[in-house]
Amino acid sequence: MAEIFNLPTRLDKISNELTRQFKVNLFIKRDDLIHPEIPGNKWRKLKYNIAQAQLEHKTTLLTFGGAFSNHITATAAAGKYLGFKTIGIIRGEEYTPLNKSLQFAKDCGMKLLYLDRENYKLKNIDALLTTHDSPLLSEAYIIPDGGANELAVKGCAEIVDEIDIEFDYICCACGTGTTIAGIATNLKPHQKAIGFAVLKHDNLLEEITENLFIHNSKLSIQNYPFGGYARTTPELIQFIKDFYKEHQILLDYVYTGKLMYGIFDLISKNYFPENTTIIAVHTGGVTNANVFEA
């Protein structure tokens, strides 16, 4: 399984006028380079779930997501490369033509099934059993929405093991909070984790505790939703374009653009002490949310 993935991923130093002015050291961990179709935290969260599916002799992976979900596309690609059938339970009504994300998933061999929003919220796949292949659905290995479970936390914790420099803060963008939760479980006493919420979240820390059973004093949340999930502003788009021009690293407007904007904003507000070393985890997402198509 490991031979198709580019691991461990490298660190790129980000040096500019801001980091020099405030005397901080900033690095990006390039998890976007893990695999072109299964990038970043998507593979981290799938890794041990797929290993468990193999242990249980399951041949089908079933998971959930919205119509633009990177988790759906990553699961479909993982199935294609690793020999699993895949089923995507998609929130909402079926529509045609398919968008790029769902067309990609279908091209990878994923069976797309649609669940109305009420049943989707309950993850009630029984609502599909009367109209679809019951054994295929009922015998599949189920991965939760966004891959958010304890096995995903275990995979994300390995990000820290790959960092071969001393650091003070490690940051990543948050949807469910699974990635930053995993990171926070694997820190040294002096290190801290900061999650940058890209959805409108007032209680993400509480949700992480409730859903993933993790409470960690090293973890804090900053909110940079720019209006909500997959929402953007001209200011954010310009920031991402300027960042690419200066550093030749592509960010997306759903996750990593908001992460880097937030880190730069905190640096400018003197949030980090002088001589602090900060790691920003690039969790991918560029393929389906390219800023230059915004």
Protein backbone atom coordinates (compact mmCIF):
# COMPACT_ATOMS: atom_id res chain seq x y z
CA MET A 1 0.00 0.00 0.00
CA ALA A 2 2.75 2.46 1.01
CA GLU A 3 4.62 2.44 -2.29
CA ILE A 4 2.14 4.74 -4.08
CA PHE A 5 2.39 7.46 -1.45
CA ASN A 6 5.02 10.18 -1.09
CA LEU A 7 5.81 9.86 2.61
CA PRO A 8 7.18 11.36 4.74
CA THR A 9 6.30 14.76 3.26
CA ARG A 10 8.79 17.59 3.26
CA LEU A 11 8.89 20.92 5.07
CA ASP A 12 9.14 24.14 3.02
CA LYS A 13 10.28 27.28 4.82
CA ILE A 14 8.16 30.39 4.27
CA SER A 15 10.21 33.54 4.63
CA ASN A 16 8.80 36.96 3.79
CA GLU A 17 8.64 40.50 5.07
CA LEU A 18 6.06 39.57 7.74
CA THR A 19 7.97 36.63 9.22
CA ARG A 20 11.17 38.68 9.26
CA GLN A 21 9.49 41.69 10.87
CA PHE A 22 7.97 39.65 13.69
CA LYS A 23 10.95 37.28 13.95
CA VAL A 24 9.11 33.99 13.64
CA ASN A 25 10.04 30.84 11.73
CA LEU A 26 7.28 29.44 9.53
CA PHE A 27 7.29 26.10 7.69
CA ILE A 28 4.64 24.35 5.58
CA LYS A 29 4.42 20.58 5.82
CA ARG A 30 3.59 19.57 2.28
CA ASP A 31 0.98 16.88 2.83
CA ASP A 32 -0.62 18.07 -0.40
CA LEU A 33 2.14 16.08 -2.12
CA ILE A 34 1.24 12.70 -0.56
CA HIS A 35 -0.65 11.63 -3.69
CA PRO A 36 -2.17 13.65 -6.56
CA GLU A 37 -5.64 12.10 -6.06
CA ILE A 38 -5.54 11.20 -2.34
CA PRO A 39 -3.77 14.22 -0.89
CA GLY A 40 -3.12 15.55 2.56
CA ASN A 41 -5.23 14.65 5.52
CA LYS A 42 -7.56 12.62 3.30
CA TRP A 43 -5.03 9.79 3.14
CA ARG A 44 -4.04 10.25 6.79
CA LYS A 45 -7.67 9.67 7.79
CA LEU A 46 -8.22 6.77 5.40
CA LYS A 47 -5.01 4.86 6.15
CA TYR A 48 -6.02 2.93 9.26
CA ASN A 49 -9.65 2.67 8.21
CA ILE A 50 -8.55 0.86 5.07
CA ALA A 51 -6.20 -1.34 7.10
CA GLN A 52 -9.14 -2.24 9.36
CA ALA A 53 -11.33 -3.00 6.35
CA GLN A 54 -8.63 -5.38 5.11
CA LEU A 55 -8.44 -7.06 8.53
CA GLU A 56 -12.22 -7.57 8.43
CA HIS A 57 -11.94 -8.96 4.87
CA LYS A 58 -14.24 -6.27 3.55
CA THR A 59 -14.14 -5.62 -0.19
CA THR A 60 -16.29 -2.46 -0.23
CA LEU A 61 -15.79 0.93 1.41
CA LEU A 62 -18.91 3.01 2.10
CA THR A 63 -18.70 6.63 3.13
CA PHE A 64 -20.62 9.90 3.19
CA GLY A 65 -20.17 13.42 1.85
CA GLY A 66 -21.58 16.44 0.10
CA ALA A 67 -21.57 16.97 -3.63
CA PHE A 68 -18.18 18.72 -3.52
CA SER A 69 -16.55 16.52 -0.88
CA ASN A 70 -12.80 15.93 -1.18
CA HIS A 71 -13.29 12.99 1.18
CA ILE A 72 -15.59 11.36 -1.36
CA THR A 73 -13.10 11.81 -4.20
CA ALA A 74 -10.19 10.59 -2.05
CA THR A 75 -12.10 7.47 -0.97
CA ALA A 76 -13.03 6.74 -4.58
CA ALA A 77 -9.41 7.09 -5.67
CA ALA A 78 -8.16 4.97 -2.77
CA GLY A 79 -10.59 2.25 -3.78
CA LYS A 80 -9.37 2.37 -7.37
CA TYR A 81 -5.70 2.08 -6.43
CA LEU A 82 -6.05 -0.35 -3.52
CA GLY A 83 -8.61 -2.74 -4.94
CA PHE A 84 -11.84 -1.85 -3.11
CA LYS A 85 -15.32 -1.27 -4.44
CA THR A 86 -16.58 2.06 -3.16
CA ILE A 87 -19.98 3.57 -2.39
CA GLY A 88 -20.54 7.27 -1.79
CA ILE A 89 -23.71 8.33 0.04
CA ILE A 90 -24.21 11.87 -1.21
CA ARG A 91 -26.18 14.47 0.73
CA GLY A 92 -29.19 15.82 -1.17
CA GLU A 93 -30.89 15.09 -4.45
CA GLU A 94 -29.28 13.65 -7.56
CA TYR A 95 -28.70 16.13 -10.35
CA THR A 96 -27.10 16.11 -13.78
CA PRO A 97 -24.65 16.81 -15.17
CA LEU A 98 -22.38 15.75 -12.31
CA ASN A 99 -19.94 18.31 -10.99
CA LYS A 100 -16.18 17.65 -11.32
CA SER A 101 -15.89 16.02 -7.90
CA LEU A 102 -18.71 13.52 -8.38
CA GLN A 103 -17.73 12.79 -11.98
CA PHE A 104 -14.20 12.03 -10.79
CA ALA A 105 -15.56 9.70 -8.09
CA LYS A 106 -17.76 7.93 -10.60
CA ASP A 107 -14.86 7.58 -13.04
CA CYS A 108 -12.90 5.89 -10.24
CA GLY A 109 -15.67 3.31 -10.01
CA MET A 110 -17.58 4.70 -7.03
CA LYS A 111 -21.30 3.90 -6.87
CA LEU A 112 -23.09 7.16 -6.04
CA LEU A 113 -26.28 7.00 -3.99
CA TYR A 114 -28.26 10.03 -2.87
CA LEU A 115 -29.89 10.53 0.51
CA ASP A 116 -32.29 13.34 1.41
CA ARG A 117 -30.92 15.78 3.98
CA GLU A 118 -33.02 14.50 6.89
CA ASN A 119 -31.94 10.88 6.46
CA TYR A 120 -28.40 11.98 5.66
CA LYS A 121 -28.14 13.86 8.94
CA LEU A 122 -29.05 10.61 10.73
CA LYS A 123 -26.76 8.59 8.40
CA ASN A 124 -29.80 6.39 7.82
CA ILE A 125 -28.63 4.10 5.03
CA ASP A 126 -31.57 1.79 5.77
CA ALA A 127 -33.58 4.28 3.72
CA LEU A 128 -31.64 3.06 0.67
CA LEU A 129 -31.80 -0.68 1.28
CA THR A 130 -35.18 -1.22 -0.38
CA THR A 131 -34.15 0.36 -3.67
CA HIS A 132 -30.48 -0.66 -3.98
CA ASP A 133 -28.21 -3.68 -3.61
CA SER A 134 -28.81 -4.59 0.03
CA PRO A 135 -25.81 -6.93 0.53
CA LEU A 136 -23.45 -4.38 -1.00
CA LEU A 137 -24.65 -1.71 1.42
CA SER A 138 -25.04 -3.83 4.53
CA GLU A 139 -21.74 -5.69 4.21
CA ALA A 140 -19.53 -2.70 3.40
CA TYR A 141 -16.94 -1.25 5.75
CA ILE A 142 -18.39 2.12 6.81
CA ILE A 143 -16.19 5.21 7.07
CA PRO A 144 -17.95 8.23 8.62
CA ASP A 145 -18.50 11.61 6.98
CA GLY A 146 -15.12 13.25 6.44
CA GLY A 147 -13.41 10.10 7.73
CA ALA A 148 -13.83 11.37 11.29
CA ASN A 149 -13.25 8.54 13.75
CA GLU A 150 -10.62 7.20 16.15
CA LEU A 151 -8.71 5.43 13.39
CA ALA A 152 -8.49 8.71 11.49
CA VAL A 153 -7.17 10.44 14.62
CA LYS A 154 -4.46 7.76 14.82
CA GLY A 155 -3.44 8.43 11.21
CA CYS A 156 -3.31 12.19 11.69
CA ALA A 157 -1.15 11.84 14.81
CA GLU A 158 1.62 10.51 12.54
CA ILE A 159 2.04 13.96 11.01
CA VAL A 160 3.97 15.00 14.11
CA ASP A 161 6.29 11.98 13.94
CA GLU A 162 7.51 13.09 10.51
CA ILE A 163 8.58 16.58 11.60
CA ASP A 164 12.34 16.53 12.15
CA ILE A 165 12.79 20.03 13.56
CA GLU A 166 11.87 21.49 16.93
CA PHE A 167 8.70 23.58 16.81
CA ASP A 168 6.39 25.45 19.15
CA TYR A 169 3.06 25.59 17.29
CA ILE A 170 1.47 23.36 14.67
CA CYS A 171 -1.56 24.60 12.74
CA CYS A 172 -4.05 23.19 10.28
CA ALA A 173 -7.43 24.02 8.79
CA CYS A 174 -10.45 22.35 10.43
CA GLY A 175 -13.73 20.97 9.17
CA THR A 176 -14.61 18.16 11.55
CA GLY A 177 -11.47 18.86 13.59
CA THR A 178 -10.18 15.29 13.21
CA THR A 179 -6.76 16.24 11.84
CA ILE A 180 -5.89 18.78 14.50
CA ALA A 181 -7.25 16.45 17.18
CA GLY A 182 -4.89 13.71 16.05
CA ILE A 183 -1.98 16.13 15.95
CA ALA A 184 -2.75 17.36 19.46
CA THR A 185 -2.53 13.84 20.87
CA ASN A 186 1.12 13.54 19.81
CA LEU A 187 2.76 16.75 21.04
CA LYS A 188 5.55 17.38 23.51
CA PRO A 189 4.70 19.30 26.69
CA HIS A 190 5.82 22.70 25.32
CA GLN A 191 4.09 22.36 21.95
CA LYS A 192 0.63 23.64 21.05
CA ALA A 193 -1.85 22.91 18.27
CA ILE A 194 -4.09 25.52 16.67
CA GLY A 195 -7.02 24.58 14.47
CA PHE A 196 -8.35 27.16 12.02
CA ALA A 197 -12.08 26.60 11.62
CA VAL A 198 -13.25 27.10 8.02
CA LEU A 199 -16.93 26.65 8.91
CA LYS A 200 -18.98 28.89 11.15
CA HIS A 201 -18.14 27.16 14.42
CA ASP A 202 -18.84 28.49 17.87
CA ASN A 203 -18.14 25.24 19.66
CA LEU A 204 -15.68 23.18 17.62
CA LEU A 205 -13.65 22.23 20.69
CA GLU A 206 -16.78 20.82 22.31
CA GLU A 207 -17.64 18.93 19.11
CA ILE A 208 -14.16 17.38 18.99
CA THR A 209 -14.56 16.25 22.59
CA GLU A 210 -18.06 14.86 21.96
CA ASN A 211 -17.45 13.21 18.58
CA LEU A 212 -13.85 12.05 18.93
CA PHE A 213 -13.63 11.69 22.72
CA ILE A 214 -10.57 13.93 22.85
CA HIS A 215 -10.03 16.74 25.31
CA ASN A 216 -6.61 18.30 25.09
CA SER A 217 -5.37 21.45 26.79
CA LYS A 218 -2.74 21.88 24.06
CA LEU A 219 -5.44 22.46 21.45
CA SER A 220 -7.10 25.79 20.66
CA ILE A 221 -9.32 27.00 17.81
CA GLN A 222 -9.18 30.17 15.74
CA ASN A 223 -12.10 31.08 13.49
CA TYR A 224 -11.47 32.19 9.90
CA PRO A 225 -14.59 31.03 8.01
CA PHE A 226 -14.85 33.98 5.58
CA GLY A 227 -18.61 33.60 5.59
CA GLY A 228 -18.81 29.82 5.95
CA TYR A 229 -17.74 26.55 4.36
CA ALA A 230 -16.50 27.03 0.78
CA ARG A 231 -17.36 30.72 1.02
CA THR A 232 -14.76 33.29 0.08
CA THR A 233 -14.06 36.99 -0.29
CA PRO A 234 -12.03 39.06 -2.76
CA GLU A 235 -9.50 39.66 0.03
CA LEU A 236 -8.97 35.92 0.55
CA ILE A 237 -8.70 35.23 -3.18
CA GLN A 238 -6.12 37.97 -3.58
CA PHE A 239 -4.15 36.66 -0.61
CA ILE A 240 -4.00 33.18 -2.16
CA LYS A 241 -2.89 34.55 -5.53
CA ASP A 242 -0.20 36.68 -3.87
CA PHE A 243 0.97 33.71 -1.80
CA TYR A 244 1.31 31.58 -4.91
CA LYS A 245 3.20 34.32 -6.73
CA GLU A 246 5.69 34.69 -3.86
CA HIS A 247 6.09 31.06 -2.75
CA GLN A 248 4.88 28.90 -5.70
CA ILE A 249 2.61 26.92 -3.39
CA LEU A 250 -1.03 26.63 -4.38
CA LEU A 251 -3.61 27.02 -1.63
CA ASP A 252 -7.34 26.44 -1.94
CA TYR A 253 -10.10 28.76 -0.77
CA VAL A 254 -11.96 26.11 1.23
CA TYR A 255 -9.24 25.08 3.68
CA THR A 256 -5.58 25.99 3.24
CA GLY A 257 -6.05 29.56 2.03
CA LYS A 258 -7.99 30.35 5.19
CA LEU A 259 -5.33 28.58 7.26
CA MET A 260 -2.44 30.62 5.88
CA TYR A 261 -4.41 33.86 5.95
CA GLY A 262 -5.19 33.18 9.60
CA ILE A 263 -1.58 32.41 10.48
CA PHE A 264 -0.36 35.59 8.78
CA ASP A 265 -3.07 37.57 10.56
CA LEU A 266 -2.03 36.18 13.96
CA ILE A 267 1.63 36.89 13.21
CA SER A 268 0.76 40.50 12.36
CA LYS A 269 -1.11 40.78 15.68
CA ASN A 270 1.95 39.60 17.63
CA TYR A 271 0.18 36.39 18.70
CA PHE A 272 3.39 34.36 18.46
CA PRO A 273 6.43 35.27 20.59
CA GLU A 274 9.71 36.14 18.88
CA ASN A 275 11.78 33.17 17.71
CA THR A 276 8.71 30.93 17.66
CA THR A 277 8.74 28.10 15.12
CA ILE A 278 5.35 27.42 13.50
CA ILE A 279 4.38 24.43 11.35
CA ALA A 280 1.43 24.85 8.97
CA VAL A 281 0.07 21.55 7.64
CA HIS A 282 -0.95 21.78 3.98
CA THR A 283 -3.86 19.33 3.89
CA GLY A 284 -4.41 19.44 0.14
CA GLY A 285 -7.81 20.16 -1.37
CA VAL A 286 -6.49 22.07 -4.37
CA THR A 287 -7.76 19.66 -7.02
CA ASN A 288 -11.45 20.34 -6.37
CA ALA A 289 -11.31 23.89 -5.05
CA ASN A 290 -8.78 25.69 -7.21
CA VAL A 291 -8.69 29.35 -6.30
CA PHE A 292 -8.12 30.40 -9.87
CA GLU A 293 -11.54 28.99 -10.74
CA ALA A 294 -13.27 30.90 -7.91
